[in-house]
């Protein structure tokens, strides 16, 4: 189902909006206006298991399905430390006036935000008010249905959903893919117990296999999954992601709100008036979020974002 895919892949987005001043070695004053740092979340458990083997695999994920794993937490901690090092001189001690953090209303995004912040703002000096190795930093959320900024898939917006199901998923390119891979899809239905009704539901097959391979390596794959078959499933999944932002109306309705927020007139006004509203604004969201935002520039399935892959611009 579409919902399964939308739940399945997350990406954490951090936007550092820093209106900070630094002095170059030549003594020329320069202002760092905006830094966009975008990364995908750390490793997590699959969102669901195959009906045919759910009992045998559930014990592998003690934190629960869809939750950030220990490896994912480690990745986020290291990334937080990397960001602090990269922006040292711009990111200093935490203060409520300089840092605002907002996450989608999901366990894995909130936990990732907390762990990343621990790496970004280590407990030193005034950063350690509790005299422990951790300082609390608030992470704000909005209920999924009403989050028009980060939750580009679950906020109530039936018009783009109608276009996706009635136009995109019934388009000739999608029909051709389904026809060319009909035998493969039938094989996967028989082996997994999944219905796989639409092209994008290939993610329901890819996600459990990918999570298994990442955490337990190839040795734990089902007997029917060869390396060649996995690569084929992975390729189809990556191609399927392109269709989530392929339609300009869907991009505008689902990604436009956040795109405007990031590059909006309010930010322009802050820069023009030299008024420091927030030094740092941090967002955590799901993978569809950057796909809509980046929809104008991503053209190839090879650009799909891996766990904790970092991209930033200043």
Protein backbone atom coordinates (compact mmCIF):
# COMPACT_ATOMS: atom_id res chain seq x y z
CA UNK A 1 0.00 0.00 0.00
CA UNK A 2 1.04 3.60 -0.49
CA UNK A 3 0.87 4.20 3.24
CA UNK A 4 3.37 1.43 3.85
CA UNK A 5 5.89 3.09 1.56
CA UNK A 6 5.26 6.52 3.02
CA UNK A 7 5.85 5.14 6.49
CA UNK A 8 8.79 3.08 5.41
CA UNK A 9 11.55 5.44 4.42
CA UNK A 10 12.48 8.46 6.48
CA UNK A 11 14.88 11.21 6.01
CA UNK A 12 15.92 13.67 8.60
CA UNK A 13 16.20 17.20 7.38
CA UNK A 14 18.09 19.83 9.25
CA UNK A 15 18.03 23.45 8.19
CA UNK A 16 20.56 25.58 9.96
CA UNK A 17 19.51 29.19 9.49
CA UNK A 18 22.42 31.03 11.00
CA UNK A 19 22.63 34.79 10.99
CA UNK A 20 26.05 34.87 12.56
CA UNK A 21 29.07 37.03 11.93
CA UNK A 22 32.66 35.91 11.57
CA UNK A 23 35.93 37.67 10.77
CA UNK A 24 38.08 36.22 8.01
CA UNK A 25 41.87 36.06 8.22
CA UNK A 26 42.01 39.16 6.02
CA UNK A 27 39.89 41.07 8.53
CA UNK A 28 36.90 41.35 6.21
CA UNK A 29 33.57 40.93 7.92
CA UNK A 30 31.33 38.31 6.34
CA UNK A 31 27.89 37.05 7.29
CA UNK A 32 26.81 33.45 7.14
CA UNK A 33 23.20 33.76 6.04
CA UNK A 34 21.74 30.32 5.49
CA UNK A 35 23.06 26.78 5.70
CA UNK A 36 20.97 23.82 4.57
CA UNK A 37 22.11 20.47 5.92
CA UNK A 38 20.08 17.49 4.77
CA UNK A 39 20.52 13.88 5.78
CA UNK A 40 18.62 10.68 5.97
CA UNK A 41 17.93 9.05 9.33
CA UNK A 42 20.09 6.32 10.80
CA UNK A 43 19.39 2.63 10.50
CA UNK A 44 16.01 1.37 11.70
CA UNK A 45 13.99 -1.81 11.91
CA UNK A 46 11.64 -2.65 9.02
CA UNK A 47 8.15 -1.22 9.21
CA UNK A 48 6.56 -4.59 8.65
CA UNK A 49 7.57 -8.20 8.07
CA UNK A 50 6.52 -10.66 5.43
CA UNK A 51 3.33 -12.48 6.47
CA UNK A 52 5.01 -15.80 5.66
CA UNK A 53 7.85 -15.39 8.17
CA UNK A 54 6.85 -12.64 10.61
CA UNK A 55 7.16 -14.84 13.71
CA UNK A 56 10.69 -15.99 12.93
CA UNK A 57 12.01 -12.47 12.30
CA UNK A 58 10.24 -10.35 14.94
CA UNK A 59 12.75 -11.30 17.65
CA UNK A 60 15.53 -9.64 15.64
CA UNK A 61 14.05 -6.21 16.34
CA UNK A 62 13.77 -5.84 20.14
CA UNK A 63 12.92 -2.13 20.00
CA UNK A 64 9.96 -2.82 17.73
CA UNK A 65 9.22 -2.52 14.04
CA UNK A 66 9.94 0.85 12.50
CA UNK A 67 12.02 2.01 15.47
CA UNK A 68 15.55 3.36 15.32
CA UNK A 69 18.07 0.63 16.08
CA UNK A 70 21.19 0.87 18.22
CA UNK A 71 23.22 1.27 15.03
CA UNK A 72 20.92 4.07 13.89
CA UNK A 73 21.42 5.88 17.20
CA UNK A 74 25.18 5.52 16.88
CA UNK A 75 25.06 6.98 13.38
CA UNK A 76 23.03 9.97 14.55
CA UNK A 77 25.39 10.65 17.46
CA UNK A 78 28.40 10.64 15.13
CA UNK A 79 26.58 12.88 12.67
CA UNK A 80 25.77 15.37 15.41
CA UNK A 81 29.45 15.51 16.35
CA UNK A 82 30.40 15.94 12.70
CA UNK A 83 28.00 18.88 12.33
CA UNK A 84 29.36 20.56 15.43
CA UNK A 85 32.89 20.21 14.09
CA UNK A 86 31.94 21.39 10.62
CA UNK A 87 30.19 24.50 11.92
CA UNK A 88 32.38 25.27 14.92
CA UNK A 89 32.44 29.00 15.37
CA UNK A 90 28.81 29.16 14.23
CA UNK A 91 27.30 26.50 16.49
CA UNK A 92 28.17 27.36 20.07
CA UNK A 93 26.50 26.48 23.36
CA UNK A 94 22.81 25.72 23.28
CA UNK A 95 20.35 28.48 24.16
CA UNK A 96 16.61 28.48 23.65
CA UNK A 97 16.82 31.74 21.73
CA UNK A 98 19.30 30.40 19.22
CA UNK A 99 18.05 26.87 18.59
CA UNK A 100 14.61 25.63 17.60
CA UNK A 101 14.03 21.96 16.78
CA UNK A 102 10.96 20.54 15.10
CA UNK A 103 10.30 16.93 14.20
CA UNK A 104 7.53 14.96 12.60
CA UNK A 105 5.37 13.21 15.18
CA UNK A 106 7.07 9.81 14.89
CA UNK A 107 9.22 7.92 17.40
CA UNK A 108 12.12 7.37 15.04
CA UNK A 109 12.39 11.00 13.99
CA UNK A 110 12.10 12.33 17.53
CA UNK A 111 14.66 9.87 18.91
CA UNK A 112 17.04 10.68 16.06
CA UNK A 113 16.68 14.39 16.79
CA UNK A 114 17.47 13.86 20.48
CA UNK A 115 20.51 11.68 19.82
CA UNK A 116 21.83 13.99 17.11
CA UNK A 117 21.44 17.01 19.39
CA UNK A 118 23.43 15.20 22.06
CA UNK A 119 26.30 14.97 19.60
CA UNK A 120 25.83 18.52 18.33
CA UNK A 121 25.61 20.14 21.77
CA UNK A 122 27.84 18.17 24.18
CA UNK A 123 27.52 18.85 27.88
CA UNK A 124 30.26 21.34 28.68
CA UNK A 125 30.18 24.36 30.94
CA UNK A 126 26.80 26.05 30.79
CA UNK A 127 25.71 23.27 28.45
CA UNK A 128 25.52 20.95 31.49
CA UNK A 129 22.92 22.48 33.85
CA UNK A 130 22.05 19.09 35.37
CA UNK A 131 25.67 18.12 35.99
CA UNK A 132 25.18 14.98 33.93
CA UNK A 133 26.49 13.95 30.52
CA UNK A 134 23.31 15.03 28.75
CA UNK A 135 21.38 18.26 28.48
CA UNK A 136 17.68 18.42 27.59
CA UNK A 137 16.85 20.24 24.36
CA UNK A 138 13.16 20.52 23.41
CA UNK A 139 11.97 18.91 20.20
CA UNK A 140 8.68 20.33 18.90
CA UNK A 141 6.11 18.37 16.92
CA UNK A 142 2.75 18.86 15.25
CA UNK A 143 0.16 16.06 14.94
CA UNK A 144 0.71 14.23 11.68
CA UNK A 145 -2.61 15.15 10.11
CA UNK A 146 -2.05 18.86 10.67
CA UNK A 147 1.65 19.15 9.89
CA UNK A 148 1.74 21.04 6.59
CA UNK A 149 5.47 21.76 6.76
CA UNK A 150 7.25 18.45 7.38
CA UNK A 151 4.58 15.78 7.08
CA UNK A 152 4.12 16.07 3.35
CA UNK A 153 2.40 12.69 3.07
CA UNK A 154 0.03 12.35 6.01
CA UNK A 155 -1.33 15.86 6.38
CA UNK A 156 -4.83 15.99 4.98
CA UNK A 157 -4.67 16.90 1.29
CA UNK A 158 -6.88 14.67 -0.89
CA UNK A 159 -6.29 16.47 -4.19
CA UNK A 160 -2.65 15.40 -4.75
CA UNK A 161 -3.50 11.91 -3.49
CA UNK A 162 -6.22 11.66 -6.11
CA UNK A 163 -3.77 12.71 -8.82
CA UNK A 164 -1.22 10.17 -7.63
CA UNK A 165 -3.59 7.20 -7.63
CA UNK A 166 -5.78 8.13 -10.60
CA UNK A 167 -3.19 9.63 -12.93
CA UNK A 168 0.37 8.75 -11.94
CA UNK A 169 -0.24 5.12 -10.94
CA UNK A 170 -2.37 4.50 -14.04
CA UNK A 171 0.03 6.20 -16.46
CA UNK A 172 1.52 4.28 -19.38
CA UNK A 173 5.08 4.19 -17.97
CA UNK A 174 3.85 2.62 -14.74
CA UNK A 175 1.64 0.15 -16.58
CA UNK A 176 4.59 -0.85 -18.73
CA UNK A 177 6.78 -1.51 -15.69
CA UNK A 178 4.09 -3.66 -14.10
CA UNK A 179 3.59 -5.64 -17.31
CA UNK A 180 7.31 -6.19 -17.88
CA UNK A 181 7.75 -7.43 -14.32
CA UNK A 182 4.48 -9.33 -13.93
CA UNK A 183 6.22 -12.68 -13.44
CA UNK A 184 8.56 -11.23 -10.82
CA UNK A 185 5.70 -9.61 -8.91
CA UNK A 186 3.77 -12.90 -8.86
CA UNK A 187 6.85 -14.70 -7.56
CA UNK A 188 7.28 -12.13 -4.80
CA UNK A 189 3.62 -12.39 -3.82
CA UNK A 190 3.94 -16.15 -3.44
CA UNK A 191 7.16 -15.98 -1.44
CA UNK A 192 6.29 -13.11 0.90
CA UNK A 193 2.53 -13.36 1.31
CA UNK A 194 2.18 -9.69 0.35
CA UNK A 195 -0.44 -8.55 -2.17
CA UNK A 196 1.73 -5.86 -3.85
CA UNK A 197 -1.24 -4.23 -5.60
CA UNK A 198 0.65 -1.26 -7.10
CA UNK A 199 4.14 -0.52 -8.37
CA UNK A 200 5.11 1.54 -5.32
CA UNK A 201 4.25 -1.39 -3.04
CA UNK A 202 7.52 -2.99 -4.12
CA UNK A 203 8.82 -1.14 -1.10
CA UNK A 204 7.01 -3.61 1.17
CA UNK A 205 9.34 -6.26 -0.24
CA UNK A 206 12.49 -4.15 -0.34
CA UNK A 207 12.33 -2.69 3.17
CA UNK A 208 12.50 -5.91 5.25
CA UNK A 209 15.18 -7.36 2.98
CA UNK A 210 17.27 -4.20 3.09
CA UNK A 211 17.03 -3.86 6.87
CA UNK A 212 18.04 -7.50 7.30
CA UNK A 213 21.04 -7.11 5.02
CA UNK A 214 22.19 -3.92 6.71
CA UNK A 215 22.01 -5.24 10.27
CA UNK A 216 22.65 -8.96 9.80
CA UNK A 217 24.38 -9.11 6.40
CA UNK A 218 23.43 -11.33 3.50
CA UNK A 219 23.55 -14.55 5.53
CA UNK A 220 20.15 -13.87 7.07
CA UNK A 221 18.30 -13.37 3.78
CA UNK A 222 15.46 -15.78 2.92
CA UNK A 223 16.57 -18.77 0.86
CA UNK A 224 14.73 -17.52 -2.21
CA UNK A 225 16.58 -14.16 -2.31
CA UNK A 226 19.69 -14.24 -4.47
CA UNK A 227 22.01 -11.27 -4.86
CA UNK A 228 20.71 -10.73 -8.38
CA UNK A 229 17.10 -10.79 -7.22
CA UNK A 230 17.76 -8.34 -4.40
CA UNK A 231 19.43 -5.89 -6.78
CA UNK A 232 16.43 -6.13 -9.10
CA UNK A 233 14.02 -5.42 -6.24
CA UNK A 234 16.21 -2.54 -5.10
CA UNK A 235 16.31 -1.07 -8.60
CA UNK A 236 12.52 -1.22 -8.94
CA UNK A 237 12.10 0.43 -5.56
CA UNK A 238 14.42 3.30 -6.46
CA UNK A 239 12.60 3.83 -9.73
CA UNK A 240 9.26 3.82 -7.90
CA UNK A 241 10.37 6.70 -5.67
CA UNK A 242 10.65 8.97 -8.70
CA UNK A 243 6.90 8.84 -9.20
CA UNK A 244 6.16 10.46 -5.85
CA UNK A 245 7.34 13.84 -7.08
CA UNK A 246 7.07 13.36 -10.85
CA UNK A 247 3.81 15.32 -11.15
CA UNK A 248 4.20 19.12 -10.83
CA UNK A 249 0.86 19.56 -9.05
CA UNK A 250 1.76 16.97 -6.43
CA UNK A 251 5.11 18.68 -5.86
CA UNK A 252 3.42 22.02 -5.45
CA UNK A 253 0.80 20.81 -2.99
CA UNK A 254 3.00 18.47 -0.98
CA UNK A 255 6.39 20.15 -1.10
CA UNK A 256 5.52 23.76 -1.78
CA UNK A 257 4.58 24.64 1.78
CA UNK A 258 7.91 23.57 3.23
CA UNK A 259 9.88 24.94 0.29
CA UNK A 260 8.27 28.29 0.95
CA UNK A 261 9.04 27.97 4.64
CA UNK A 262 12.71 27.37 3.92
CA UNK A 263 13.08 30.19 1.39
CA UNK A 264 10.14 32.31 2.48
CA UNK A 265 9.73 36.04 2.66
CA UNK A 266 9.99 35.94 6.44
CA UNK A 267 13.59 34.73 6.16
CA UNK A 268 14.33 37.39 3.55
CA UNK A 269 12.90 40.02 5.90
CA UNK A 270 15.02 38.75 8.78
CA UNK A 271 18.17 39.04 6.67
CA UNK A 272 17.28 42.49 5.35
CA UNK A 273 16.43 43.84 8.77
CA UNK A 274 19.43 42.16 10.44
CA UNK A 275 17.05 40.76 13.05
CA UNK A 276 18.15 37.52 14.65
CA UNK A 277 15.05 35.39 15.15
CA UNK A 278 16.69 31.99 15.39
CA UNK A 279 20.32 31.08 14.91
CA UNK A 280 19.51 27.46 14.23
CA UNK A 281 16.35 25.73 13.10
CA UNK A 282 16.45 21.96 12.92
CA UNK A 283 13.89 19.78 11.15
CA UNK A 284 13.40 16.00 11.21
CA UNK A 285 11.14 14.43 8.61
CA UNK A 286 10.56 11.51 6.25
CA UNK A 287 12.17 10.65 2.93
CA UNK A 288 9.24 11.85 0.82
CA UNK A 289 9.87 15.31 2.26
CA UNK A 290 13.17 15.86 0.40
CA UNK A 291 11.90 14.04 -2.67
CA UNK A 292 9.23 16.70 -3.05
CA UNK A 293 11.67 19.51 -2.21
CA UNK A 294 14.34 18.12 -4.54
CA UNK A 295 11.87 17.04 -7.19
CA UNK A 296 13.02 19.75 -9.55
CA UNK A 297 16.61 18.50 -9.57
CA UNK A 298 16.60 14.72 -8.96
CA UNK A 299 16.38 12.86 -12.23
CA UNK A 300 18.00 9.48 -11.68
CA UNK A 301 17.21 6.66 -9.31
CA UNK A 302 20.89 6.44 -8.36
CA UNK A 303 20.45 9.66 -6.38
CA UNK A 304 18.40 7.89 -3.72
CA UNK A 305 19.54 8.90 -0.25
CA UNK A 306 21.26 6.28 1.92
CA UNK A 307 21.24 6.02 5.70
CA UNK A 308 22.66 9.16 7.31
CA UNK A 309 23.95 10.47 3.97
CA UNK A 310 24.76 14.14 4.43
CA UNK A 311 24.38 17.01 2.01
CA UNK A 312 24.84 20.63 2.98
CA UNK A 313 25.15 24.01 1.31
CA UNK A 314 25.96 27.43 2.67
